[in-house]
Amino acid sequence: MVGFLKRNPLLLLVIPLGLVFYFVYVGIGWNLWVSVSDWRGLNASYGFGGFGAYIRMIGDSTFWISLRNTLLLFTIIPICIVLGLVLALIMDQGLKGTNLFRNLFLLPFALSFVVTGTIWAWMYNPSSGILNSLLRLIGLESLTGFWHTSQQTVMPSIILALVWQFSGYVALIFLAGIKSVPQSQINAARLDGASQFKIYRRLVLPQLKGALTTSVVIIAMFALRSFDFIWVLTGGGPGYSSHTLPIQMYKETFMSSRFPYGAAIGNVLLVLVLLLVMPLTYRSYRR
């Protein structure tokens, strides 16, 4: 058997490719069909029911609010990139305690979204949360607010918490990219009289495109599927002000038993993922 596999090594890919095909592409195809099926209520039915779910989507104000909030979460990408790059450059200076800070920066990313949502819900608590308590302590009681329970501040509160969770991880990705730059190139630049600023700007930063692409894809993927974090923190409220597409998909599918509509929302999420990932992947492989 071993000799047969050595002569035909491609057979080793049959099972992994079969699993990927079934759990990814068959699942996508099944979801597409459910979105146009005549499934009603809890009784599964797979006959063709038309495109009513997509037509309803166009006139559903909740869907557009959810889509807007989902796209709004993408604002964490440039914020995390900038903060992560600054932190990476600071850690690259070899300051005392850098190893400790590496672990501290990675800790928020290691926490699950449920834990993070619970922690920030405590911090945002209007009466006993640490945020309002600190503002009262320093005499800025006028700035206290209902951070995650107000329609005006709920999305900024979510964005702030997500930036806290991902910035440190992005910093470590950039730091790994900085450390991968050959030391011989840096030494040669120094011999030519280049300052540290010029070395970073003209030598190091141009070689961080791979780290940048990786960071953007990872943050975007987590932003698109941050259902559990927002569900624990706000439940999609107040009202629909923190509804995102994953939350609406969950409510429509499992709370209202509108499976075709929930599947249609899932397909919109798939399109968003493809629009984001495919150009980045194409550019990476082309380069």
Protein backbone atom coordinates (compact mmCIF):
# COMPACT_ATOMS: atom_id res chain seq x y z
CA MET A 1 0.00 0.00 0.00
CA VAL A 2 2.83 2.38 0.89
CA GLY A 3 4.59 1.62 -2.38
CA PHE A 4 1.38 2.21 -4.32
CA LEU A 5 0.94 5.63 -2.67
CA LYS A 6 4.57 6.52 -3.42
CA ARG A 7 3.94 5.80 -7.09
CA ASN A 8 0.65 7.75 -7.02
CA PRO A 9 1.15 10.58 -4.49
CA LEU A 10 -1.78 12.58 -5.85
CA LEU A 11 -4.13 9.98 -4.33
CA LEU A 12 -3.24 11.41 -0.93
CA LEU A 13 -5.14 14.55 -1.92
CA VAL A 14 -8.37 12.75 -2.75
CA ILE A 15 -9.76 12.61 0.79
CA PRO A 16 -8.80 16.19 1.80
CA LEU A 17 -10.13 17.61 -1.47
CA GLY A 18 -13.30 15.54 -1.12
CA LEU A 19 -13.89 16.91 2.40
CA VAL A 20 -13.26 20.49 1.26
CA PHE A 21 -15.60 20.03 -1.70
CA TYR A 22 -18.39 18.60 0.47
CA PHE A 23 -18.22 20.92 3.46
CA VAL A 24 -17.47 24.12 1.51
CA TYR A 25 -18.80 23.98 -2.03
CA VAL A 26 -21.70 21.60 -1.45
CA GLY A 27 -22.66 23.72 1.58
CA ILE A 28 -22.57 26.90 -0.51
CA GLY A 29 -24.66 25.26 -3.23
CA TRP A 30 -27.19 23.98 -0.70
CA ASN A 31 -27.51 27.46 0.83
CA LEU A 32 -28.04 28.99 -2.60
CA TRP A 33 -30.83 26.54 -3.34
CA VAL A 34 -32.50 27.06 0.05
CA SER A 35 -32.64 30.80 -0.67
CA VAL A 36 -34.83 30.16 -3.74
CA SER A 37 -36.74 27.18 -2.33
CA ASP A 38 -40.36 27.00 -1.18
CA TRP A 39 -39.31 26.19 2.40
CA ARG A 40 -41.89 27.55 4.81
CA GLY A 41 -41.70 27.34 8.59
CA LEU A 42 -40.02 24.33 10.19
CA ASN A 43 -41.07 21.88 7.48
CA ALA A 44 -38.16 21.57 5.07
CA SER A 45 -39.07 21.75 1.41
CA TYR A 46 -36.67 22.01 -1.51
CA GLY A 47 -38.96 22.82 -4.41
CA PHE A 48 -38.26 25.93 -6.42
CA GLY A 49 -40.07 28.86 -4.84
CA GLY A 50 -38.73 31.79 -6.82
CA PHE A 51 -36.66 34.78 -5.82
CA GLY A 52 -39.07 36.18 -3.25
CA ALA A 53 -36.40 36.26 -0.52
CA TYR A 54 -34.20 38.53 -2.60
CA ILE A 55 -37.12 40.73 -3.65
CA ARG A 56 -38.12 41.10 -0.01
CA MET A 57 -34.54 42.00 0.85
CA ILE A 58 -34.66 45.08 -1.40
CA GLY A 59 -37.58 46.56 0.52
CA ASP A 60 -36.46 45.47 4.00
CA SER A 61 -35.17 48.49 5.92
CA THR A 62 -33.68 46.22 8.59
CA PHE A 63 -31.53 44.55 5.95
CA TRP A 64 -30.10 47.88 4.81
CA ILE A 65 -29.39 48.91 8.40
CA SER A 66 -27.64 45.58 8.94
CA LEU A 67 -25.65 45.97 5.72
CA ARG A 68 -24.62 49.51 6.67
CA ASN A 69 -23.47 48.39 10.12
CA THR A 70 -21.59 45.44 8.64
CA LEU A 71 -19.74 47.73 6.24
CA LEU A 72 -19.16 50.18 9.09
CA LEU A 73 -17.23 47.48 10.94
CA PHE A 74 -14.66 47.60 8.14
CA THR A 75 -13.48 50.92 9.60
CA ILE A 76 -11.55 48.89 12.17
CA ILE A 77 -9.20 47.76 9.35
CA PRO A 78 -7.31 51.06 8.79
CA ILE A 79 -7.39 51.85 12.52
CA CYS A 80 -5.90 48.48 13.46
CA ILE A 81 -3.35 48.71 10.63
CA VAL A 82 -2.10 52.11 11.78
CA LEU A 83 -2.04 51.23 15.48
CA GLY A 84 -0.49 47.82 14.80
CA LEU A 85 2.26 49.32 12.64
CA VAL A 86 3.09 51.96 15.26
CA LEU A 87 3.25 49.32 18.01
CA ALA A 88 5.41 47.06 15.82
CA LEU A 89 7.88 49.87 15.12
CA ILE A 90 8.09 50.65 18.84
CA MET A 91 8.71 47.00 19.75
CA ASP A 92 11.38 46.78 17.05
CA GLN A 93 13.49 49.27 19.00
CA GLY A 94 14.51 46.54 21.44
CA LEU A 95 13.21 48.38 24.48
CA LYS A 96 13.23 46.71 27.88
CA GLY A 97 10.12 44.62 28.50
CA THR A 98 9.35 44.09 24.81
CA ASN A 99 8.75 40.35 25.30
CA LEU A 100 6.23 41.10 28.04
CA PHE A 101 4.37 43.55 25.83
CA ARG A 102 4.25 41.01 22.99
CA ASN A 103 2.31 38.64 25.24
CA LEU A 104 0.06 41.44 26.48
CA PHE A 105 -0.72 42.56 22.92
CA LEU A 106 -1.60 39.01 21.87
CA LEU A 107 -3.82 38.34 24.90
CA PRO A 108 -6.95 40.19 23.62
CA PHE A 109 -6.85 38.25 20.34
CA ALA A 110 -6.57 34.98 22.25
CA LEU A 111 -9.85 35.68 24.04
CA SER A 112 -13.07 34.44 22.48
CA PHE A 113 -15.64 36.94 21.27
CA VAL A 114 -18.03 35.83 24.01
CA VAL A 115 -15.49 36.66 26.72
CA THR A 116 -14.59 39.96 25.05
CA GLY A 117 -18.24 40.95 24.71
CA THR A 118 -18.88 40.16 28.37
CA ILE A 119 -15.82 42.15 29.52
CA TRP A 120 -16.75 45.21 27.51
CA ALA A 121 -20.37 45.00 28.62
CA TRP A 122 -19.08 45.29 32.19
CA MET A 123 -16.79 48.16 31.25
CA TYR A 124 -19.59 50.02 29.45
CA ASN A 125 -22.09 49.56 32.29
CA PRO A 126 -23.58 53.04 32.86
CA SER A 127 -23.65 52.83 36.68
CA SER A 128 -20.73 50.58 37.68
CA GLY A 129 -18.62 50.29 34.51
CA ILE A 130 -14.98 51.30 34.69
CA LEU A 131 -15.29 53.77 31.81
CA ASN A 132 -17.92 55.97 33.46
CA SER A 133 -16.26 55.47 36.86
CA LEU A 134 -12.95 56.83 35.53
CA LEU A 135 -14.68 59.80 33.94
CA ARG A 136 -16.37 60.61 37.26
CA LEU A 137 -13.07 60.16 39.11
CA ILE A 138 -11.26 62.74 36.97
CA GLY A 139 -14.14 65.22 37.11
CA LEU A 140 -15.58 64.60 33.63
CA GLU A 141 -18.95 63.31 34.71
CA SER A 142 -20.59 65.28 31.91
CA LEU A 143 -18.94 62.89 29.41
CA THR A 144 -20.40 59.73 30.97
CA GLY A 145 -22.99 57.97 28.87
CA PHE A 146 -24.91 54.84 28.00
CA TRP A 147 -22.19 53.64 25.67
CA HIS A 148 -23.54 50.33 24.37
CA THR A 149 -27.21 51.02 25.06
CA SER A 150 -27.55 54.28 23.12
CA GLN A 151 -28.32 54.36 19.40
CA GLN A 152 -25.82 57.19 18.92
CA THR A 153 -22.83 55.50 20.58
CA VAL A 154 -23.42 51.77 20.21
CA MET A 155 -21.52 51.28 16.93
CA PRO A 156 -18.51 53.41 18.01
CA SER A 157 -18.47 51.37 21.23
CA ILE A 158 -18.38 48.12 19.24
CA ILE A 159 -15.65 49.45 16.95
CA LEU A 160 -13.52 50.55 19.92
CA ALA A 161 -13.74 47.09 21.49
CA LEU A 162 -12.84 45.34 18.23
CA VAL A 163 -9.86 47.66 17.70
CA TRP A 164 -8.66 46.73 21.19
CA GLN A 165 -8.95 43.05 20.36
CA PHE A 166 -7.15 43.09 16.99
CA SER A 167 -4.54 45.86 17.12
CA GLY A 168 -2.05 43.86 19.16
CA TYR A 169 -2.32 40.87 16.88
CA VAL A 170 -1.75 43.06 13.82
CA ALA A 171 1.28 44.55 15.59
CA LEU A 172 2.80 41.08 15.97
CA ILE A 173 2.19 40.31 12.28
CA PHE A 174 3.97 43.52 11.30
CA LEU A 175 6.76 42.85 13.77
CA ALA A 176 7.33 39.42 12.22
CA GLY A 177 7.45 41.10 8.81
CA ILE A 178 9.98 43.67 10.05
CA LYS A 179 12.18 40.94 11.55
CA SER A 180 12.11 39.03 8.24
CA VAL A 181 13.91 41.88 6.43
CA PRO A 182 17.52 40.68 5.90
CA GLN A 183 19.86 42.33 8.39
CA SER A 184 22.46 42.64 5.63
CA GLN A 185 20.20 45.10 3.78
CA ILE A 186 19.75 47.20 6.90
CA ASN A 187 23.48 47.21 7.63
CA ALA A 188 24.23 48.24 4.06
CA ALA A 189 21.77 51.12 4.31
CA ARG A 190 23.38 52.28 7.54
CA LEU A 191 26.83 52.20 5.93
CA ASP A 192 25.46 54.43 3.19
CA GLY A 193 24.47 56.93 5.87
CA ALA A 194 20.69 56.32 5.88
CA SER A 195 18.88 57.38 9.04
CA GLN A 196 16.62 54.98 10.94
CA PHE A 197 13.59 56.83 9.60
CA LYS A 198 14.73 56.41 5.98
CA ILE A 199 15.54 52.74 6.59
CA TYR A 200 11.98 52.14 7.77
CA ARG A 201 10.37 54.26 5.04
CA ARG A 202 12.36 53.12 2.02
CA LEU A 203 13.56 49.64 2.98
CA VAL A 204 11.37 48.03 5.63
CA LEU A 205 7.86 49.31 4.90
CA PRO A 206 7.88 48.33 1.18
CA GLN A 207 8.60 44.75 2.25
CA LEU A 208 5.57 44.56 4.54
CA LYS A 209 3.01 44.09 1.76
CA GLY A 210 2.53 40.44 2.68
CA ALA A 211 1.97 41.31 6.34
CA LEU A 212 -0.45 44.06 5.30
CA THR A 213 -2.48 41.70 3.10
CA THR A 214 -2.62 39.07 5.83
CA SER A 215 -3.76 41.62 8.41
CA VAL A 216 -6.49 43.03 6.18
CA VAL A 217 -7.91 39.60 5.34
CA ILE A 218 -7.88 38.37 8.95
CA ILE A 219 -9.47 41.50 10.39
CA ALA A 220 -12.11 41.63 7.64
CA MET A 221 -13.04 37.98 8.14
CA PHE A 222 -13.48 38.47 11.87
CA ALA A 223 -15.43 41.69 11.30
CA LEU A 224 -17.83 39.90 8.95
CA ARG A 225 -18.47 37.08 11.40
CA SER A 226 -18.44 39.00 14.67
CA PHE A 227 -21.91 37.71 15.51
CA ASP A 228 -21.13 36.33 18.97
CA PHE A 229 -19.32 39.48 20.15
CA ILE A 230 -22.14 41.85 19.16
CA TRP A 231 -24.82 39.42 20.32
CA VAL A 232 -23.29 39.22 23.82
CA LEU A 233 -22.57 42.96 24.02
CA THR A 234 -25.77 44.47 22.61
CA GLY A 235 -28.02 41.72 21.28
CA GLY A 236 -28.32 43.78 18.10
CA GLY A 237 -29.93 46.65 19.97
CA PRO A 238 -31.01 49.11 21.02
CA GLY A 239 -33.65 48.63 18.37
CA TYR A 240 -31.82 47.72 15.18
CA SER A 241 -28.96 50.17 15.70
CA SER A 242 -26.29 47.45 16.07
CA HIS A 243 -27.85 44.88 13.76
CA THR A 244 -25.37 43.31 11.38
CA LEU A 245 -25.96 40.78 8.62
CA PRO A 246 -24.96 37.76 10.76
CA ILE A 247 -27.35 38.86 13.51
CA GLN A 248 -30.22 39.40 11.08
CA MET A 249 -29.47 36.07 9.41
CA TYR A 250 -29.64 34.33 12.79
CA LYS A 251 -32.90 36.02 13.77
CA GLU A 252 -34.60 35.41 10.44
CA THR A 253 -33.51 31.78 10.25
CA PHE A 254 -33.74 30.45 13.79
CA MET A 255 -36.05 32.87 15.58
CA SER A 256 -38.54 33.59 12.80
CA SER A 257 -38.11 30.30 10.85
CA ARG A 258 -37.74 32.15 7.55
CA PHE A 259 -35.06 29.86 6.19
CA PRO A 260 -35.01 31.09 2.56
CA TYR A 261 -34.60 34.69 3.70
CA GLY A 262 -31.87 33.75 6.16
CA ALA A 263 -30.08 31.81 3.41
CA ALA A 264 -30.34 34.83 1.08
CA ILE A 265 -28.69 37.04 3.71
CA GLY A 266 -25.97 34.42 4.05
CA ASN A 267 -25.38 34.64 0.31
CA VAL A 268 -24.94 38.41 0.59
CA LEU A 269 -22.28 37.77 3.23
CA LEU A 270 -20.60 35.33 0.84
CA VAL A 271 -20.53 37.99 -1.88
CA LEU A 272 -18.96 40.48 0.53
CA VAL A 273 -16.27 37.94 1.42
CA LEU A 274 -15.53 37.24 -2.24
CA LEU A 275 -15.39 40.93 -3.11
CA LEU A 276 -12.84 41.43 -0.37
CA VAL A 277 -10.72 38.29 -0.54
CA MET A 278 -10.51 37.62 -4.27
CA PRO A 279 -8.76 40.88 -5.28
CA LEU A 280 -6.26 40.53 -2.42
CA THR A 281 -5.61 36.88 -3.22
CA TYR A 282 -5.22 37.65 -6.92
CA ARG A 283 -2.70 40.41 -6.24
CA SER A 284 -0.73 38.20 -3.84
CA TYR A 285 -0.43 35.27 -6.25
CA ARG A 286 0.26 37.54 -9.20
CA ARG A 287 3.11 39.17 -7.32
